[in-house]
Amino acid sequence: GILGNVDGESCLARKDFGRLRPVPAREAIPSPDRVWTSHEWDLIRRGHRSQDMDDKWHALVEGQRLYLHRSWTGMGVYEVEFTADADGWRIIHAVVAGDHDSYRRRDDEYESAFLEAVIEWALLGVRNGPGHRRWERARPGPPRIARQPTSERHDRMAKVVQGADVMCLRV
């Protein structure tokens, strides 16, 4: 049905977080060349609130715009706009914080890959997905083992991704 199965969780809204600051000195970056499935979009729309110190991201969606903030400062780092097409959901516009005093912005390839990886980690509960692998290749220096989110919530989200049909409806 229209409501679908919310699986005990609903979409997070701006009011569910402490102070969130907008992305400072917004700079456009290339959108990840990826099609997100309807199921993945449903998970992304739920948002994410950091549960512990290892989990460094807050995320919320308003309309078709995703906002990614650092959990301990509330600073906006990424803002992206999604659109639906016949194949699924695509990011059509992405910006990153360009204020070098508050965020150490890297080159466009790195930022686009890291954006995709953060969406996988924080919103989909996916470890070592295509965004993560692309981010590893974009990182300067020799490949390193990335520090993955390890909270119990990510383990629960991985189970949700593997089979639940999730939807949420904003009124």
Protein backbone atom coordinates (compact mmCIF):
# COMPACT_ATOMS: atom_id res chain seq x y z
CA GLY A 1 0.00 0.00 0.00
CA ILE A 2 0.94 3.65 0.05
CA LEU A 3 2.15 3.56 3.64
CA GLY A 4 4.13 0.36 3.26
CA ASN A 5 5.98 -1.19 6.19
CA VAL A 6 7.78 1.33 8.37
CA ASP A 7 9.39 -1.48 10.40
CA GLY A 8 9.09 0.42 13.68
CA GLU A 9 10.97 3.48 12.42
CA SER A 10 9.81 6.64 10.72
CA CYS A 11 11.51 9.36 8.73
CA LEU A 12 13.60 11.76 10.78
CA ALA A 13 12.88 15.47 10.52
CA ARG A 14 14.99 18.54 11.27
CA LYS A 15 13.27 18.86 14.68
CA ASP A 16 14.68 15.44 15.65
CA PHE A 17 18.22 16.83 15.78
CA GLY A 18 19.96 19.46 17.83
CA ARG A 19 21.26 22.53 16.09
CA LEU A 20 22.06 21.82 12.43
CA ARG A 21 24.07 24.40 10.51
CA PRO A 22 23.83 24.84 6.73
CA VAL A 23 26.66 23.84 4.40
CA PRO A 24 29.19 26.73 4.56
CA ALA A 25 30.74 28.13 1.35
CA ARG A 26 28.85 25.66 -0.84
CA GLU A 27 30.87 24.26 -3.74
CA ALA A 28 29.37 22.06 -6.46
CA ILE A 29 30.84 18.58 -6.91
CA PRO A 30 30.09 15.92 -9.54
CA SER A 31 27.15 13.72 -8.62
CA PRO A 32 28.02 10.06 -8.08
CA ASP A 33 27.26 8.14 -11.28
CA ARG A 34 24.91 5.72 -9.59
CA VAL A 35 21.27 4.72 -9.76
CA TRP A 36 19.73 4.11 -6.35
CA THR A 37 16.86 1.60 -6.24
CA SER A 38 13.44 2.53 -4.91
CA HIS A 39 14.20 0.36 -1.88
CA GLU A 40 17.47 2.24 -1.26
CA TRP A 41 15.65 5.59 -1.66
CA ASP A 42 13.10 4.46 0.94
CA LEU A 43 15.97 3.78 3.36
CA ILE A 44 17.69 7.08 2.52
CA ARG A 45 14.43 8.96 3.16
CA ARG A 46 14.33 7.65 6.73
CA GLY A 47 17.41 9.68 7.63
CA HIS A 48 19.91 8.80 10.31
CA ARG A 49 20.78 10.10 13.76
CA SER A 50 24.21 9.26 15.14
CA GLN A 51 24.01 6.84 18.05
CA ASP A 52 27.61 6.90 19.32
CA MET A 53 31.02 8.52 18.85
CA ASP A 54 32.03 6.06 16.10
CA ASP A 55 29.02 7.16 14.05
CA LYS A 56 29.91 10.62 12.78
CA TRP A 57 26.89 11.55 10.60
CA HIS A 58 23.38 12.92 10.95
CA ALA A 59 21.20 12.74 7.83
CA LEU A 60 17.75 13.94 6.92
CA VAL A 61 15.70 14.27 3.77
CA GLU A 62 13.31 17.10 3.03
CA GLY A 63 11.40 16.58 -0.19
CA GLN A 64 14.03 15.06 -2.47
CA ARG A 65 16.99 16.84 -0.86
CA LEU A 66 19.39 14.97 1.43
CA TYR A 67 21.35 16.89 4.08
CA LEU A 68 24.42 15.30 5.68
CA HIS A 69 25.78 16.92 8.86
CA ARG A 70 28.66 16.06 11.17
CA SER A 71 27.09 14.65 14.30
CA TRP A 72 29.15 16.39 16.97
CA THR A 73 29.11 19.91 15.45
CA GLY A 74 25.89 19.90 13.42
CA MET A 75 27.85 21.45 10.53
CA GLY A 76 26.43 20.70 7.09
CA VAL A 77 29.01 18.98 4.89
CA TYR A 78 26.93 17.74 1.94
CA GLU A 79 23.60 18.67 0.41
CA VAL A 80 22.28 16.66 -2.53
CA GLU A 81 19.15 16.63 -4.65
CA PHE A 82 17.71 13.37 -5.93
CA THR A 83 15.31 12.84 -8.81
CA ALA A 84 13.40 9.78 -9.97
CA ASP A 85 13.66 8.42 -13.49
CA ALA A 86 12.68 5.17 -15.22
CA ASP A 87 15.71 3.34 -13.77
CA GLY A 88 15.49 4.51 -10.14
CA TRP A 89 16.81 7.51 -8.20
CA ARG A 90 19.80 9.66 -9.20
CA ILE A 91 21.61 12.53 -7.58
CA ILE A 92 21.28 15.49 -9.94
CA HIS A 93 23.00 18.16 -7.85
CA ALA A 94 25.54 17.91 -5.03
CA VAL A 95 27.44 20.45 -2.97
CA VAL A 96 30.14 20.13 -0.34
CA ALA A 97 31.35 22.53 2.34
CA GLY A 98 34.05 24.70 0.83
CA ASP A 99 34.91 26.54 4.06
CA HIS A 100 38.42 25.24 4.68
CA ASP A 101 38.38 26.48 8.28
CA SER A 102 35.64 24.00 9.19
CA TYR A 103 36.03 21.19 6.62
CA ARG A 104 39.12 19.89 4.86
CA ARG A 105 37.67 19.68 1.36
CA ARG A 106 39.48 17.43 -1.08
CA ASP A 107 39.31 17.27 -4.88
CA ASP A 108 36.02 16.70 -6.69
CA GLU A 109 36.61 12.99 -7.37
CA TYR A 110 37.34 12.32 -3.70
CA GLU A 111 34.33 14.30 -2.46
CA SER A 112 31.92 12.62 -4.91
CA ALA A 113 33.17 9.17 -3.87
CA PHE A 114 33.11 10.01 -0.16
CA LEU A 115 29.54 11.33 -0.47
CA GLU A 116 28.45 8.03 -2.01
CA ALA A 117 30.30 6.06 0.70
CA VAL A 118 28.71 8.08 3.53
CA ILE A 119 25.25 7.40 2.08
CA GLU A 120 26.08 3.68 2.01
CA TRP A 121 27.47 3.60 5.55
CA ALA A 122 25.06 5.88 7.39
CA LEU A 123 21.79 5.34 5.51
CA LEU A 124 21.99 1.91 3.92
CA GLY A 125 24.13 0.08 6.48
CA VAL A 126 26.35 -1.18 3.65
CA ARG A 127 30.01 -1.84 4.24
CA ASN A 128 32.49 -2.08 1.38
CA GLY A 129 29.92 -1.11 -1.27
CA PRO A 130 30.70 0.49 -4.63
CA GLY A 131 30.91 3.99 -3.11
CA HIS A 132 33.36 2.80 -0.48
CA ARG A 133 35.53 1.10 -3.11
CA ARG A 134 35.46 4.23 -5.29
CA TRP A 135 36.41 6.34 -2.23
CA GLU A 136 39.33 4.00 -1.46
CA ARG A 137 40.65 4.50 -5.01
CA ALA A 138 40.24 8.30 -4.75
CA ARG A 139 42.10 8.58 -1.43
CA PRO A 140 45.60 10.01 -1.68
CA GLY A 141 48.52 7.73 -0.87
CA PRO A 142 48.59 3.93 -0.62
CA PRO A 143 45.26 2.15 -0.03
CA ARG A 144 44.38 1.92 3.64
CA ILE A 145 41.84 -0.09 5.54
CA ALA A 146 38.95 2.27 6.10
CA ARG A 147 37.42 2.67 9.50
CA GLN A 148 33.89 1.41 9.14
CA PRO A 149 30.94 2.32 11.35
CA THR A 150 30.59 -0.44 13.93
CA SER A 151 27.52 0.47 15.94
CA GLU A 152 24.77 -2.05 16.56
CA ARG A 153 22.43 0.20 14.57
CA HIS A 154 24.47 -0.40 11.42
CA ASP A 155 24.23 -4.15 11.98
CA ARG A 156 20.45 -3.80 12.37
CA MET A 157 20.25 -1.64 9.24
CA ALA A 158 22.15 -4.26 7.25
CA LYS A 159 19.42 -6.75 8.15
CA VAL A 160 16.74 -4.25 7.09
CA VAL A 161 18.47 -3.70 3.74
CA GLN A 162 18.61 -7.45 3.10
CA GLY A 163 14.88 -8.00 3.00
CA ALA A 164 12.47 -5.54 4.53
CA ASP A 165 10.11 -3.54 2.38
CA VAL A 166 10.30 -0.10 3.98
CA MET A 167 8.44 3.10 3.31
CA CYS A 168 7.61 6.20 5.26
CA LEU A 169 5.09 8.89 4.57
CA ARG A 170 5.41 12.55 5.54
CA VAL A 171 2.17 14.28 6.28
